[in-house]
Amino acid sequence: MKASSKKKTHQATNRFILRPYRRIPTWYLSYYMSGNLVGKGVVTNLSCTGMRVLGDHAMKLGTELTFQLTLEEDKPALEIERVTVRWVKEAEFGLRINAIKPAGAKRIAQLLTAQACGHRGES
């Protein structure tokens, strides 16, 4: 009986993975690049480890991209050296952040903290 419950647990883990960070709803302009592909999209939610993007290109699972995220119009775009496509549903796809400079990670964390505090204040 223990063997079958381990198998069920393993299968369930493959379908649902808890995120270590809460994702915050956003609407940020982005560009993504891989080889000859250059796409434009909107980041509809963001966390310290990943994001959901509504893009203008069909993506494939496992594709690695370079990513630029415009957080503020009057500041340079945030460069993310490497993200990986984790899931795809029509024009939307999920990305995991694999490589980002410490200053970029800090900028995302500060933004998310400010937005989370703002959302709590609105309720």
PDB file of N, CA and C in Angstrom:
ATOM      1  N   MET A   1       0.822  -1.202   0.000  1.00  0.00           N
ATOM      2  CA  MET A   1       0.000   0.000   0.000  1.00  0.00           C
ATOM      3  C   MET A   1       0.858   1.255   0.000  1.00  0.00           C
ATOM      4  N   LYS A   2       1.978   1.241   0.702  1.00  0.00           N
ATOM      5  CA  LYS A   2       2.837   2.413   0.734  1.00  0.00           C
ATOM      6  C   LYS A   2       3.391   2.735  -0.645  1.00  0.00           C
ATOM      7  N   ALA A   3       3.719   1.727  -1.434  1.00  0.00           N
ATOM      8  CA  ALA A   3       4.267   1.964  -2.774  1.00  0.00           C
ATOM      9  C   ALA A   3       3.263   2.709  -3.650  1.00  0.00           C
ATOM     10  N   SER A   4       1.992   2.324  -3.582  1.00  0.00           N
ATOM     11  CA  SER A   4       0.990   2.993  -4.413  1.00  0.00           C
ATOM     12  C   SER A   4       0.752   4.427  -3.952  1.00  0.00           C
ATOM     13  N   SER A   5       0.791   4.688  -2.634  1.00  0.00           N
ATOM     14  CA  SER A   5       0.590   6.061  -2.170  1.00  0.00           C
ATOM     15  C   SER A   5       1.779   6.938  -2.555  1.00  0.00           C
ATOM     16  N   LYS A   6       2.991   6.369  -2.595  1.00  0.00           N
ATOM     17  CA  LYS A   6       4.144   7.132  -3.052  1.00  0.00           C
ATOM     18  C   LYS A   6       3.977   7.490  -4.519  1.00  0.00           C
ATOM     19  N   LYS A   7       3.478   6.556  -5.300  1.00  0.00           N
ATOM     20  CA  LYS A   7       3.274   6.793  -6.720  1.00  0.00           C
ATOM     21  C   LYS A   7       2.247   7.896  -6.928  1.00  0.00           C
ATOM     22  N   LYS A   8       1.146   7.872  -6.175  1.00  0.00           N
ATOM     23  CA  LYS A   8       0.116   8.898  -6.293  1.00  0.00           C
ATOM     24  C   LYS A   8       0.665  10.265  -5.896  1.00  0.00           C
ATOM     25  N   THR A   9       1.473  10.311  -4.845  1.00  0.00           N
ATOM     26  CA  THR A   9       2.071  11.563  -4.412  1.00  0.00           C
ATOM     27  C   THR A   9       2.978  12.114  -5.504  1.00  0.00           C
ATOM     28  N   HIS A  10       3.765  11.252  -6.107  1.00  0.00           N
ATOM     29  CA  HIS A  10       4.674  11.676  -7.164  1.00  0.00           C
ATOM     30  C   HIS A  10       3.888  12.228  -8.351  1.00  0.00           C
ATOM     31  N   GLN A  11       2.819  11.572  -8.736  1.00  0.00           N
ATOM     32  CA  GLN A  11       2.008  12.037  -9.850  1.00  0.00           C
ATOM     33  C   GLN A  11       1.382  13.388  -9.528  1.00  0.00           C
ATOM     34  N   ALA A  12       0.881  13.552  -8.330  1.00  0.00           N
ATOM     35  CA  ALA A  12       0.255  14.809  -7.944  1.00  0.00           C
ATOM     36  C   ALA A  12       1.282  15.940  -7.946  1.00  0.00           C
ATOM     37  N   THR A  13       2.521  15.648  -7.533  1.00  0.00           N
ATOM     38  CA  THR A  13       3.570  16.652  -7.514  1.00  0.00           C
ATOM     39  C   THR A  13       3.872  17.155  -8.921  1.00  0.00           C
ATOM     40  N   ASN A  14       3.792  16.268  -9.907  1.00  0.00           N
ATOM     41  CA  ASN A  14       4.057  16.677 -11.280  1.00  0.00           C
ATOM     42  C   ASN A  14       2.987  17.631 -11.804  1.00  0.00           C
ATOM     43  N   ARG A  15       1.806  17.552 -11.298  1.00  0.00           N
ATOM     44  CA  ARG A  15       0.705  18.382 -11.785  1.00  0.00           C
ATOM     45  C   ARG A  15       0.622  19.725 -11.077  1.00  0.00           C
ATOM     46  N   PHE A  16       1.021  19.790  -9.832  1.00  0.00           N
ATOM     47  CA  PHE A  16       0.827  21.000  -9.042  1.00  0.00           C
ATOM     48  C   PHE A  16       2.059  21.248  -8.185  1.00  0.00           C
ATOM     49  N   ILE A  17       2.671  22.392  -8.390  1.00  0.00           N
ATOM     50  CA  ILE A  17       3.843  22.756  -7.605  1.00  0.00           C
ATOM     51  C   ILE A  17       3.564  24.098  -6.943  1.00  0.00           C
ATOM     52  N   LEU A  18       3.736  24.157  -5.634  1.00  0.00           N
ATOM     53  CA  LEU A  18       3.549  25.418  -4.918  1.00  0.00           C
ATOM     54  C   LEU A  18       4.675  26.379  -5.274  1.00  0.00           C
ATOM     55  N   ARG A  19       4.337  27.611  -5.540  1.00  0.00           N
ATOM     56  CA  ARG A  19       5.342  28.614  -5.827  1.00  0.00           C
ATOM     57  C   ARG A  19       5.923  29.116  -4.508  1.00  0.00           C
ATOM     58  N   PRO A  20       7.230  29.355  -4.486  1.00  0.00           N
ATOM     59  CA  PRO A  20       7.824  29.857  -3.240  1.00  0.00           C
ATOM     60  C   PRO A  20       7.503  31.317  -2.972  1.00  0.00           C
ATOM     61  N   TYR A  21       7.048  32.060  -4.012  1.00  0.00           N
ATOM     62  CA  TYR A  21       6.714  33.470  -3.857  1.00  0.00           C
ATOM     63  C   TYR A  21       5.327  33.719  -4.406  1.00  0.00           C
ATOM     64  N   ARG A  22       4.634  34.682  -3.830  1.00  0.00           N
ATOM     65  CA  ARG A  22       3.318  35.088  -4.315  1.00  0.00           C
ATOM     66  C   ARG A  22       3.486  35.918  -5.585  1.00  0.00           C
ATOM     67  N   ARG A  23       2.646  35.679  -6.573  1.00  0.00           N
ATOM     68  CA  ARG A  23       2.672  36.487  -7.787  1.00  0.00           C
ATOM     69  C   ARG A  23       1.695  37.641  -7.647  1.00  0.00           C
ATOM     70  N   ILE A  24       2.119  38.801  -8.132  1.00  0.00           N
ATOM     71  CA  ILE A  24       1.342  40.022  -8.041  1.00  0.00           C
ATOM     72  C   ILE A  24       0.810  40.363  -9.437  1.00  0.00           C
ATOM     73  N   PRO A  25      -0.482  40.705  -9.569  1.00  0.00           N
ATOM     74  CA  PRO A  25      -1.010  41.117 -10.880  1.00  0.00           C
ATOM     75  C   PRO A  25      -0.295  42.381 -11.368  1.00  0.00           C
ATOM     76  N   THR A  26       0.074  42.388 -12.638  1.00  0.00           N
ATOM     77  CA  THR A  26       0.806  43.520 -13.221  1.00  0.00           C
ATOM     78  C   THR A  26       0.322  43.765 -14.650  1.00  0.00           C
ATOM     79  N   TRP A  27       0.865  44.788 -15.266  1.00  0.00           N
ATOM     80  CA  TRP A  27       0.627  45.054 -16.686  1.00  0.00           C
ATOM     81  C   TRP A  27       1.849  45.819 -17.200  1.00  0.00           C
ATOM     82  N   TYR A  28       2.971  45.078 -17.374  1.00  0.00           N
ATOM     83  CA  TYR A  28       4.231  45.677 -17.792  1.00  0.00           C
ATOM     84  C   TYR A  28       4.585  45.228 -19.208  1.00  0.00           C
ATOM     85  N   LEU A  29       5.046  46.174 -20.022  1.00  0.00           N
ATOM     86  CA  LEU A  29       5.502  45.896 -21.371  1.00  0.00           C
ATOM     87  C   LEU A  29       6.802  45.090 -21.302  1.00  0.00           C
ATOM     88  N   SER A  30       6.954  44.129 -22.217  1.00  0.00           N
ATOM     89  CA  SER A  30       8.167  43.317 -22.222  1.00  0.00           C
ATOM     90  C   SER A  30       8.560  42.945 -23.647  1.00  0.00           C
ATOM     91  N   TYR A  31       9.822  42.616 -23.793  1.00  0.00           N
ATOM     92  CA  TYR A  31      10.370  42.069 -25.032  1.00  0.00           C
ATOM     93  C   TYR A  31      11.133  40.816 -24.673  1.00  0.00           C
ATOM     94  N   TYR A  32      11.049  39.808 -25.535  1.00  0.00           N
ATOM     95  CA  TYR A  32      11.787  38.574 -25.294  1.00  0.00           C
ATOM     96  C   TYR A  32      12.474  38.139 -26.575  1.00  0.00           C
ATOM     97  N   MET A  33      13.664  37.574 -26.417  1.00  0.00           N
ATOM     98  CA  MET A  33      14.496  37.214 -27.547  1.00  0.00           C
ATOM     99  C   MET A  33      15.086  35.822 -27.381  1.00  0.00           C
ATOM    100  N   SER A  34      15.146  35.109 -28.516  1.00  0.00           N
ATOM    101  CA  SER A  34      15.801  33.804 -28.558  1.00  0.00           C
ATOM    102  C   SER A  34      16.196  33.546 -30.011  1.00  0.00           C
ATOM    103  N   GLY A  35      17.485  33.492 -30.285  1.00  0.00           N
ATOM    104  CA  GLY A  35      17.923  33.304 -31.665  1.00  0.00           C
ATOM    105  C   GLY A  35      17.403  34.433 -32.537  1.00  0.00           C
ATOM    106  N   ASN A  36      16.672  34.101 -33.611  1.00  0.00           N
ATOM    107  CA  ASN A  36      16.107  35.099 -34.524  1.00  0.00           C
ATOM    108  C   ASN A  36      14.757  35.629 -34.062  1.00  0.00           C
ATOM    109  N   LEU A  37      14.192  35.051 -33.018  1.00  0.00           N
ATOM    110  CA  LEU A  37      12.881  35.453 -32.518  1.00  0.00           C
ATOM    111  C   LEU A  37      12.989  36.685 -31.625  1.00  0.00           C
ATOM    112  N   VAL A  38      12.182  37.690 -31.924  1.00  0.00           N
ATOM    113  CA  VAL A  38      12.017  38.839 -31.041  1.00  0.00           C
ATOM    114  C   VAL A  38      10.523  39.012 -30.863  1.00  0.00           C
ATOM    115  N   GLY A  39      10.060  38.902 -29.625  1.00  0.00           N
ATOM    116  CA  GLY A  39       8.636  39.017 -29.344  1.00  0.00           C
ATOM    117  C   GLY A  39       8.348  40.165 -28.399  1.00  0.00           C
ATOM    118  N   LYS A  40       7.103  40.595 -28.432  1.00  0.00           N
ATOM    119  CA  LYS A  40       6.630  41.659 -27.552  1.00  0.00           C
ATOM    120  C   LYS A  40       5.467  41.101 -26.752  1.00  0.00           C
ATOM    121  N   GLY A  41       5.388  41.477 -25.492  1.00  0.00           N
ATOM    122  CA  GLY A  41       4.302  40.976 -24.674  1.00  0.00           C
ATOM    123  C   GLY A  41       4.007  41.881 -23.497  1.00  0.00           C
ATOM    124  N   VAL A  42       3.078  41.405 -22.683  1.00  0.00           N
ATOM    125  CA  VAL A  42       2.698  42.088 -21.459  1.00  0.00           C
ATOM    126  C   VAL A  42       2.829  41.082 -20.322  1.00  0.00           C
ATOM    127  N   VAL A  43       3.541  41.474 -19.277  1.00  0.00           N
ATOM    128  CA  VAL A  43       3.664  40.626 -18.088  1.00  0.00           C
ATOM    129  C   VAL A  43       2.424  40.879 -17.245  1.00  0.00           C
ATOM    130  N   THR A  44       1.586  39.828 -17.090  1.00  0.00           N
ATOM    131  CA  THR A  44       0.317  39.992 -16.375  1.00  0.00           C
ATOM    132  C   THR A  44       0.396  39.584 -14.911  1.00  0.00           C
ATOM    133  N   ASN A  45       1.445  38.873 -14.528  1.00  0.00           N
ATOM    134  CA  ASN A  45       1.741  38.708 -13.110  1.00  0.00           C
ATOM    135  C   ASN A  45       3.212  38.403 -12.942  1.00  0.00           C
ATOM    136  N   LEU A  46       3.739  38.725 -11.779  1.00  0.00           N
ATOM    137  CA  LEU A  46       5.179  38.709 -11.558  1.00  0.00           C
ATOM    138  C   LEU A  46       5.489  38.270 -10.142  1.00  0.00           C
ATOM    139  N   SER A  47       6.551  37.485  -9.993  1.00  0.00           N
ATOM    140  CA  SER A  47       7.088  37.147  -8.678  1.00  0.00           C
ATOM    141  C   SER A  47       8.600  37.248  -8.763  1.00  0.00           C
ATOM    142  N   CYS A  48       9.278  36.967  -7.669  1.00  0.00           N
ATOM    143  CA  CYS A  48      10.742  36.999  -7.664  1.00  0.00           C
ATOM    144  C   CYS A  48      11.338  35.864  -8.494  1.00  0.00           C
ATOM    145  N   THR A  49      10.560  34.830  -8.772  1.00  0.00           N
ATOM    146  CA  THR A  49      11.094  33.666  -9.483  1.00  0.00           C
ATOM    147  C   THR A  49      10.470  33.417 -10.844  1.00  0.00           C
ATOM    148  N   GLY A  50       9.433  34.157 -11.211  1.00  0.00           N
ATOM    149  CA  GLY A  50       8.802  33.894 -12.495  1.00  0.00           C
ATOM    150  C   GLY A  50       7.722  34.892 -12.841  1.00  0.00           C
ATOM    151  N   MET A  51       7.068  34.639 -13.985  1.00  0.00           N
ATOM    152  CA  MET A  51       6.036  35.558 -14.462  1.00  0.00           C
ATOM    153  C   MET A  51       5.131  34.875 -15.475  1.00  0.00           C
ATOM    154  N   ARG A  52       3.977  35.486 -15.698  1.00  0.00           N
ATOM    155  CA  ARG A  52       3.033  35.080 -16.741  1.00  0.00           C
ATOM    156  C   ARG A  52       3.066  36.172 -17.797  1.00  0.00           C
ATOM    157  N   VAL A  53       3.151  35.749 -19.065  1.00  0.00           N
ATOM    158  CA  VAL A  53       3.261  36.708 -20.166  1.00  0.00           C
ATOM    159  C   VAL A  53       2.178  36.434 -21.196  1.00  0.00           C
ATOM    160  N   LEU A  54       1.552  37.486 -21.660  1.00  0.00           N
ATOM    161  CA  LEU A  54       0.650  37.441 -22.804  1.00  0.00           C
ATOM    162  C   LEU A  54       1.478  37.968 -23.964  1.00  0.00           C
ATOM    163  N   GLY A  55       1.870  37.072 -24.879  1.00  0.00           N
ATOM    164  CA  GLY A  55       2.819  37.441 -25.915  1.00  0.00           C
ATOM    165  C   GLY A  55       2.255  37.393 -27.322  1.00  0.00           C
ATOM    166  N   ASP A  56       3.075  37.856 -28.265  1.00  0.00           N
ATOM    167  CA  ASP A  56       2.645  37.879 -29.661  1.00  0.00           C
ATOM    168  C   ASP A  56       3.230  36.739 -30.493  1.00  0.00           C
ATOM    169  N   HIS A  57       3.941  35.794 -29.855  1.00  0.00           N
ATOM    170  CA  HIS A  57       4.483  34.629 -30.554  1.00  0.00           C
ATOM    171  C   HIS A  57       4.107  33.358 -29.808  1.00  0.00           C
ATOM    172  N   ALA A  58       3.886  32.287 -30.566  1.00  0.00           N
ATOM    173  CA  ALA A  58       3.663  30.976 -29.952  1.00  0.00           C
ATOM    174  C   ALA A  58       4.996  30.494 -29.384  1.00  0.00           C
ATOM    175  N   MET A  59       4.992  30.072 -28.163  1.00  0.00           N
ATOM    176  CA  MET A  59       6.225  29.622 -27.515  1.00  0.00           C
ATOM    177  C   MET A  59       6.193  28.109 -27.337  1.00  0.00           C
ATOM    178  N   LYS A  60       7.365  27.526 -27.208  1.00  0.00           N
ATOM    179  CA  LYS A  60       7.488  26.093 -26.962  1.00  0.00           C
ATOM    180  C   LYS A  60       8.036  25.874 -25.559  1.00  0.00           C
ATOM    181  N   LEU A  61       7.523  24.843 -24.909  1.00  0.00           N
ATOM    182  CA  LEU A  61       7.999  24.463 -23.587  1.00  0.00           C
ATOM    183  C   LEU A  61       9.510  24.284 -23.595  1.00  0.00           C
ATOM    184  N   GLY A  62      10.177  24.786 -22.574  1.00  0.00           N
ATOM    185  CA  GLY A  62      11.617  24.610 -22.441  1.00  0.00           C
ATOM    186  C   GLY A  62      12.469  25.628 -23.178  1.00  0.00           C
ATOM    187  N   THR A  63      11.852  26.491 -23.981  1.00  0.00           N
ATOM    188  CA  THR A  63      12.623  27.501 -24.710  1.00  0.00           C
ATOM    189  C   THR A  63      13.277  28.459 -23.717  1.00  0.00           C
ATOM    190  N   GLU A  64      14.551  28.758 -23.946  1.00  0.00           N
ATOM    191  CA  GLU A  64      15.257  29.733 -23.124  1.00  0.00           C
ATOM    192  C   GLU A  64      15.267  31.066 -23.855  1.00  0.00           C
ATOM    193  N   LEU A  65      15.003  32.135 -23.121  1.00  0.00           N
ATOM    194  CA  LEU A  65      14.889  33.475 -23.684  1.00  0.00           C
ATOM    195  C   LEU A  65      15.712  34.458 -22.872  1.00  0.00           C
ATOM    196  N   THR A  66      16.064  35.560 -23.512  1.00  0.00           N
ATOM    197  CA  THR A  66      16.533  36.758 -22.832  1.00  0.00           C
ATOM    198  C   THR A  66      15.313  37.661 -22.737  1.00  0.00           C
ATOM    199  N   PHE A  67      15.179  38.386 -21.645  1.00  0.00           N
ATOM    200  CA  PHE A  67      13.939  39.101 -21.382  1.00  0.00           C
ATOM    201  C   PHE A  67      14.227  40.527 -20.956  1.00  0.00           C
ATOM    202  N   GLN A  68      13.434  41.466 -21.449  1.00  0.00           N
ATOM    203  CA  GLN A  68      13.488  42.863 -21.022  1.00  0.00           C
ATOM    204  C   GLN A  68      12.112  43.253 -20.498  1.00  0.00           C
ATOM    205  N   LEU A  69      12.101  43.839 -19.331  1.00  0.00           N
ATOM    206  CA  LEU A  69      10.855  44.189 -18.657  1.00  0.00           C
ATOM    207  C   LEU A  69      10.850  45.683 -18.344  1.00  0.00           C
ATOM    208  N   THR A  70       9.864  46.404 -18.869  1.00  0.00           N
ATOM    209  CA  THR A  70       9.752  47.846 -18.620  1.00  0.00           C
ATOM    210  C   THR A  70       8.873  48.044 -17.389  1.00  0.00           C
ATOM    211  N   LEU A  71       9.504  48.390 -16.273  1.00  0.00           N
ATOM    212  CA  LEU A  71       8.773  48.584 -15.024  1.00  0.00           C
ATOM    213  C   LEU A  71       8.293  50.025 -14.871  1.00  0.00           C
ATOM    214  N   GLU A  72       9.090  50.964 -15.380  1.00  0.00           N
ATOM    215  CA  GLU A  72       8.739  52.380 -15.297  1.00  0.00           C
ATOM    216  C   GLU A  72       9.138  53.035 -16.611  1.00  0.00           C
ATOM    217  N   GLU A  73       8.261  53.889 -17.144  1.00  0.00           N
ATOM    218  CA  GLU A  73       8.512  54.515 -18.442  1.00  0.00           C
ATOM    219  C   GLU A  73       9.769  55.373 -18.457  1.00  0.00           C
ATOM    220  N   ASP A  74      10.083  56.029 -17.354  1.00  0.00           N
ATOM    221  CA  ASP A  74      11.215  56.954 -17.314  1.00  0.00           C
ATOM    222  C   ASP A  74      12.536  56.299 -16.893  1.00  0.00           C
ATOM    223  N   LYS A  75      12.559  54.971 -16.756  1.00  0.00           N
ATOM    224  CA  LYS A  75      13.779  54.256 -16.367  1.00  0.00           C
ATOM    225  C   LYS A  75      14.086  53.175 -17.392  1.00  0.00           C
ATOM    226  N   PRO A  76      15.365  52.780 -17.487  1.00  0.00           N
ATOM    227  CA  PRO A  76      15.725  51.721 -18.445  1.00  0.00           C
ATOM    228  C   PRO A  76      15.007  50.404 -18.120  1.00  0.00           C
ATOM    229  N   ALA A  77      14.796  49.608 -19.158  1.00  0.00           N
ATOM    230  CA  ALA A  77      14.163  48.297 -18.975  1.00  0.00           C
ATOM    231  C   ALA A  77      15.053  47.409 -18.105  1.00  0.00           C
ATOM    232  N   LEU A  78      14.418  46.552 -17.343  1.00  0.00           N
ATOM    233  CA  LEU A  78      15.131  45.572 -16.524  1.00  0.00           C
ATOM    234  C   LEU A  78      15.533  44.407 -17.420  1.00  0.00           C
ATOM    235  N   GLU A  79      16.807  44.078 -17.429  1.00  0.00           N
ATOM    236  CA  GLU A  79      17.322  42.978 -18.247  1.00  0.00           C
ATOM    237  C   GLU A  79      17.367  41.701 -17.410  1.00  0.00           C
ATOM    238  N   ILE A  80      16.788  40.642 -17.952  1.00  0.00           N
ATOM    239  CA  ILE A  80      16.873  39.326 -17.312  1.00  0.00           C
ATOM    240  C   ILE A  80      17.619  38.433 -18.299  1.00  0.00           C
ATOM    241  N   GLU A  81      18.776  37.951 -17.899  1.00  0.00           N
ATOM    242  CA  GLU A  81      19.672  37.239 -18.802  1.00  0.00           C
ATOM    243  C   GLU A  81      19.086  35.946 -19.350  1.00  0.00           C
ATOM    244  N   ARG A  82      18.362  35.212 -18.502  1.00  0.00           N
ATOM    245  CA  ARG A  82      17.824  33.923 -18.975  1.00  0.00           C
ATOM    246  C   ARG A  82      16.562  33.541 -18.217  1.00  0.00           C
ATOM    247  N   VAL A  83      15.510  33.265 -19.000  1.00  0.00           N
ATOM    248  CA  VAL A  83      14.260  32.717 -18.475  1.00  0.00           C
ATOM    249  C   VAL A  83      13.936  31.468 -19.292  1.00  0.00           C
ATOM    250  N   THR A  84      13.133  30.583 -18.726  1.00  0.00           N
ATOM    251  CA  THR A  84      12.730  29.355 -19.409  1.00  0.00           C
ATOM    252  C   THR A  84      11.212  29.266 -19.440  1.00  0.00           C
ATOM    253  N   VAL A  85      10.674  28.900 -20.602  1.00  0.00           N
ATOM    254  CA  VAL A  85       9.229  28.720 -20.752  1.00  0.00           C
ATOM    255  C   VAL A  85       8.839  27.450 -19.999  1.00  0.00           C
ATOM    256  N   ARG A  86       7.974  27.590 -18.991  1.00  0.00           N
ATOM    257  CA  ARG A  86       7.542  26.467 -18.138  1.00  0.00           C
ATOM    258  C   ARG A  86       6.194  25.892 -18.553  1.00  0.00           C
ATOM    259  N   TRP A  87       5.318  26.717 -19.116  1.00  0.00           N
ATOM    260  CA  TRP A  87       4.001  26.254 -19.582  1.00  0.00           C
ATOM    261  C   TRP A  87       3.521  27.206 -20.674  1.00  0.00           C
ATOM    262  N   VAL A  88       2.620  26.680 -21.515  1.00  0.00           N
ATOM    263  CA  VAL A  88       2.070  27.464 -22.614  1.00  0.00           C
ATOM    264  C   VAL A  88       0.579  27.183 -22.712  1.00  0.00           C
ATOM    265  N   LYS A  89      -0.216  28.244 -22.886  1.00  0.00           N
ATOM    266  CA  LYS A  89      -1.651  28.114 -23.135  1.00  0.00           C
ATOM    267  C   LYS A  89      -2.037  29.207 -24.115  1.00  0.00           C
ATOM    268  N   GLU A  90      -2.142  28.830 -25.390  1.00  0.00           N
ATOM    269  CA  GLU A  90      -2.434  29.762 -26.474  1.00  0.00           C
ATOM    270  C   GLU A  90      -1.396  30.878 -26.491  1.00  0.00           C
ATOM    271  N   ALA A  91      -1.809  32.139 -26.346  1.00  0.00           N
ATOM    272  CA  ALA A  91      -0.873  33.262 -26.415  1.00  0.00           C
ATOM    273  C   ALA A  91      -0.202  33.557 -25.073  1.00  0.00           C
ATOM    274  N   GLU A  92      -0.584  32.841 -24.015  1.00  0.00           N
ATOM    275  CA  GLU A  92       0.008  33.049 -22.693  1.00  0.00           C
ATOM    276  C   GLU A  92       1.045  31.977 -22.411  1.00  0.00           C
ATOM    277  N   PHE A  93       2.065  32.372 -21.656  1.00  0.00           N
ATOM    278  CA  PHE A  93       3.065  31.394 -21.235  1.00  0.00           C
ATOM    279  C   PHE A  93       3.676  31.829 -19.905  1.00  0.00           C
ATOM    280  N   GLY A  94       4.151  30.844 -19.175  1.00  0.00           N
ATOM    281  CA  GLY A  94       4.790  31.088 -17.889  1.00  0.00           C
ATOM    282  C   GLY A  94       6.284  30.972 -18.023  1.00  0.00           C
ATOM    283  N   LEU A  95       7.000  31.855 -17.359  1.00  0.00           N
ATOM    284  CA  LEU A  95       8.451  31.863 -17.411  1.00  0.00           C
ATOM    285  C   LEU A  95       9.045  31.712 -16.023  1.00  0.00           C
ATOM    286  N   ARG A  96      10.116  30.945 -15.941  1.00  0.00           N
ATOM    287  CA  ARG A  96      10.901  30.844 -14.700  1.00  0.00           C
ATOM    288  C   ARG A  96      12.164  31.664 -14.906  1.00  0.00           C
ATOM    289  N   ILE A  97      12.486  32.510 -13.950  1.00  0.00           N
ATOM    290  CA  ILE A  97      13.713  33.308 -14.018  1.00  0.00           C
ATOM    291  C   ILE A  97      14.881  32.413 -13.602  1.00  0.00           C
ATOM    292  N   ASN A  98      15.845  32.260 -14.507  1.00  0.00           N
ATOM    293  CA  ASN A  98      17.016  31.419 -14.242  1.00  0.00           C
ATOM    294  C   ASN A  98      18.263  32.224 -13.909  1.00  0.00           C
ATOM    295  N   ALA A  99      18.439  33.357 -14.582  1.00  0.00           N
ATOM    296  CA  ALA A  99      19.647  34.163 -14.377  1.00  0.00           C
ATOM    297  C   ALA A  99      19.291  35.641 -14.446  1.00  0.00           C
ATOM    298  N   ILE A 100      19.539  36.334 -13.341  1.00  0.00           N
ATOM    299  CA  ILE A 100      19.279  37.771 -13.256  1.00  0.00           C
ATOM    300  C   ILE A 100      20.354  38.374 -12.369  1.00  0.00           C
ATOM    301  N   LYS A 101      20.801  39.567 -12.720  1.00  0.00           N
ATOM    302  CA  LYS A 101      21.815  40.247 -11.912  1.00  0.00           C
ATOM    303  C   LYS A 101      21.197  40.629 -10.569  1.00  0.00           C
ATOM    304  N   PRO A 102      22.012  40.675  -9.510  1.00  0.00           N
ATOM    305  CA  PRO A 102      21.484  41.028  -8.178  1.00  0.00           C
ATOM    306  C   PRO A 102      20.713  42.348  -8.152  1.00  0.00           C
ATOM    307  N   ALA A 103      21.162  43.347  -8.886  1.00  0.00           N
ATOM    308  CA  ALA A 103      20.449  44.634  -8.900  1.00  0.00           C
ATOM    309  C   ALA A 103      19.055  44.479  -9.507  1.00  0.00           C
ATOM    310  N   GLY A 104      18.924  43.633 -10.529  1.00  0.00           N
ATOM    311  CA  GLY A 104      17.617  43.382 -11.140  1.00  0.00           C
ATOM    312  C   GLY A 104      16.700  42.634 -10.202  1.00  0.00           C
ATOM    313  N   ALA A 105      17.235  41.635  -9.518  1.00  0.00           N
ATOM    314  CA  ALA A 105      16.436  40.868  -8.548  1.00  0.00           C
ATOM    315  C   ALA A 105      15.958  41.778  -7.416  1.00  0.00           C
ATOM    316  N   LYS A 106      16.840  42.682  -6.982  1.00  0.00           N
ATOM    317  CA  LYS A 106      16.476  43.616  -5.912  1.00  0.00           C
ATOM    318  C   LYS A 106      15.369  44.565  -6.387  1.00  0.00           C
ATOM    319  N   ARG A 107      15.475  45.013  -7.628  1.00  0.00           N
ATOM    320  CA  ARG A 107      14.461  45.929  -8.187  1.00  0.00           C
ATOM    321  C   ARG A 107      13.083  45.257  -8.238  1.00  0.00           C
ATOM    322  N   ILE A 108      13.047  43.989  -8.661  1.00  0.00           N
ATOM    323  CA  ILE A 108      11.780  43.244  -8.689  1.00  0.00           C
ATOM    324  C   ILE A 108      11.231  43.071  -7.278  1.00  0.00           C
ATOM    325  N   ALA A 109      12.097  42.682  -6.341  1.00  0.00           N
ATOM    326  CA  ALA A 109      11.658  42.465  -4.951  1.00  0.00           C
ATOM    327  C   ALA A 109      11.081  43.745  -4.349  1.00  0.00           C
ATOM    328  N   GLN A 110      11.729  44.880  -4.600  1.00  0.00           N
ATOM    329  CA  GLN A 110      11.240  46.154  -4.074  1.00  0.00           C
ATOM    330  C   GLN A 110       9.886  46.516  -4.680  1.00  0.00           C
ATOM    331  N   LEU A 111       9.758  46.299  -5.976  1.00  0.00           N
ATOM    332  CA  LEU A 111       8.502  46.586  -6.667  1.00  0.00           C
ATOM    333  C   LEU A 111       7.370  45.723  -6.111  1.00  0.00           C
ATOM    334  N   LEU A 112       7.639  44.444  -5.940  1.00  0.00           N
ATOM    335  CA  LEU A 112       6.610  43.521  -5.444  1.00  0.00           C
ATOM    336  C   LEU A 112       6.207  43.864  -4.014  1.00  0.00           C
ATOM    337  N   THR A 113       7.184  44.233  -3.202  1.00  0.00           N
ATOM    338  CA  THR A 113       6.885  44.623  -1.821  1.00  0.00           C
ATOM    339  C   THR A 113       5.996  45.859  -1.797  1.00  0.00           C
ATOM    340  N   ALA A 114       6.347  46.847  -2.621  1.00  0.00           N
ATOM    341  CA  ALA A 114       5.536  48.075  -2.679  1.00  0.00           C
ATOM    342  C   ALA A 114       4.128  47.787  -3.163  1.00  0.00           C
ATOM    343  N   GLN A 115       3.993  46.929  -4.185  1.00  0.00           N
ATOM    344  CA  GLN A 115       2.655  46.609  -4.702  1.00  0.00           C
ATOM    345  C   GLN A 115       1.845  45.806  -3.690  1.00  0.00           C
ATOM    346  N   ALA A 116       2.492  44.858  -3.006  1.00  0.00           N
ATOM    347  CA  ALA A 116       1.775  44.053  -2.011  1.00  0.00           C
ATOM    348  C   ALA A 116       1.264  44.936  -0.887  1.00  0.00           C
ATOM    349  N   CYS A 117       2.060  45.886  -0.456  1.00  0.00           N
ATOM    350  CA  CYS A 117       1.639  46.810   0.597  1.00  0.00           C
ATOM    351  C   CYS A 117       0.485  47.684   0.110  1.00  0.00           C
ATOM    352  N   GLY A 118       0.549  48.112  -1.144  1.00  0.00           N
ATOM    353  CA  GLY A 118      -0.510  48.928  -1.722  1.00  0.00           C
ATOM    354  C   GLY A 118      -1.810  48.174  -1.844  1.00  0.00           C
ATOM    355  N   HIS A 119      -1.740  46.898  -2.269  1.00  0.00           N
ATOM    356  CA  HIS A 119      -2.953  46.072  -2.397  1.00  0.00           C
ATOM    357  C   HIS A 119      -3.598  45.841  -1.043  1.00  0.00           C
ATOM    358  N   ARG A 120      -2.781  45.637  -0.006  1.00  0.00           N
ATOM    359  CA  ARG A 120      -3.358  45.420   1.325  1.00  0.00           C
ATOM    360  C   ARG A 120      -4.067  46.682   1.803  1.00  0.00           C
ATOM    361  N   GLY A 121      -3.505  47.846   1.471  1.00  0.00           N
ATOM    362  CA  GLY A 121      -4.097  49.104   1.896  1.00  0.00           C
ATOM    363  C   GLY A 121      -5.412  49.410   1.196  1.00  0.00           C
ATOM    364  N   GLU A 122      -5.606  48.867  -0.024  1.00  0.00           N
ATOM    365  CA  GLU A 122      -6.823  49.139  -0.786  1.00  0.00           C
ATOM    366  C   GLU A 122      -8.009  48.311  -0.300  1.00  0.00           C
ATOM    367  N   SER A 123      -7.758  47.200   0.334  1.00  0.00           N
ATOM    368  CA  SER A 123      -8.847  46.280   0.722  1.00  0.00           C
ATOM    369  C   SER A 123      -9.716  46.823   1.786  1.00  0.00           C
TER     370      SER A 123
END
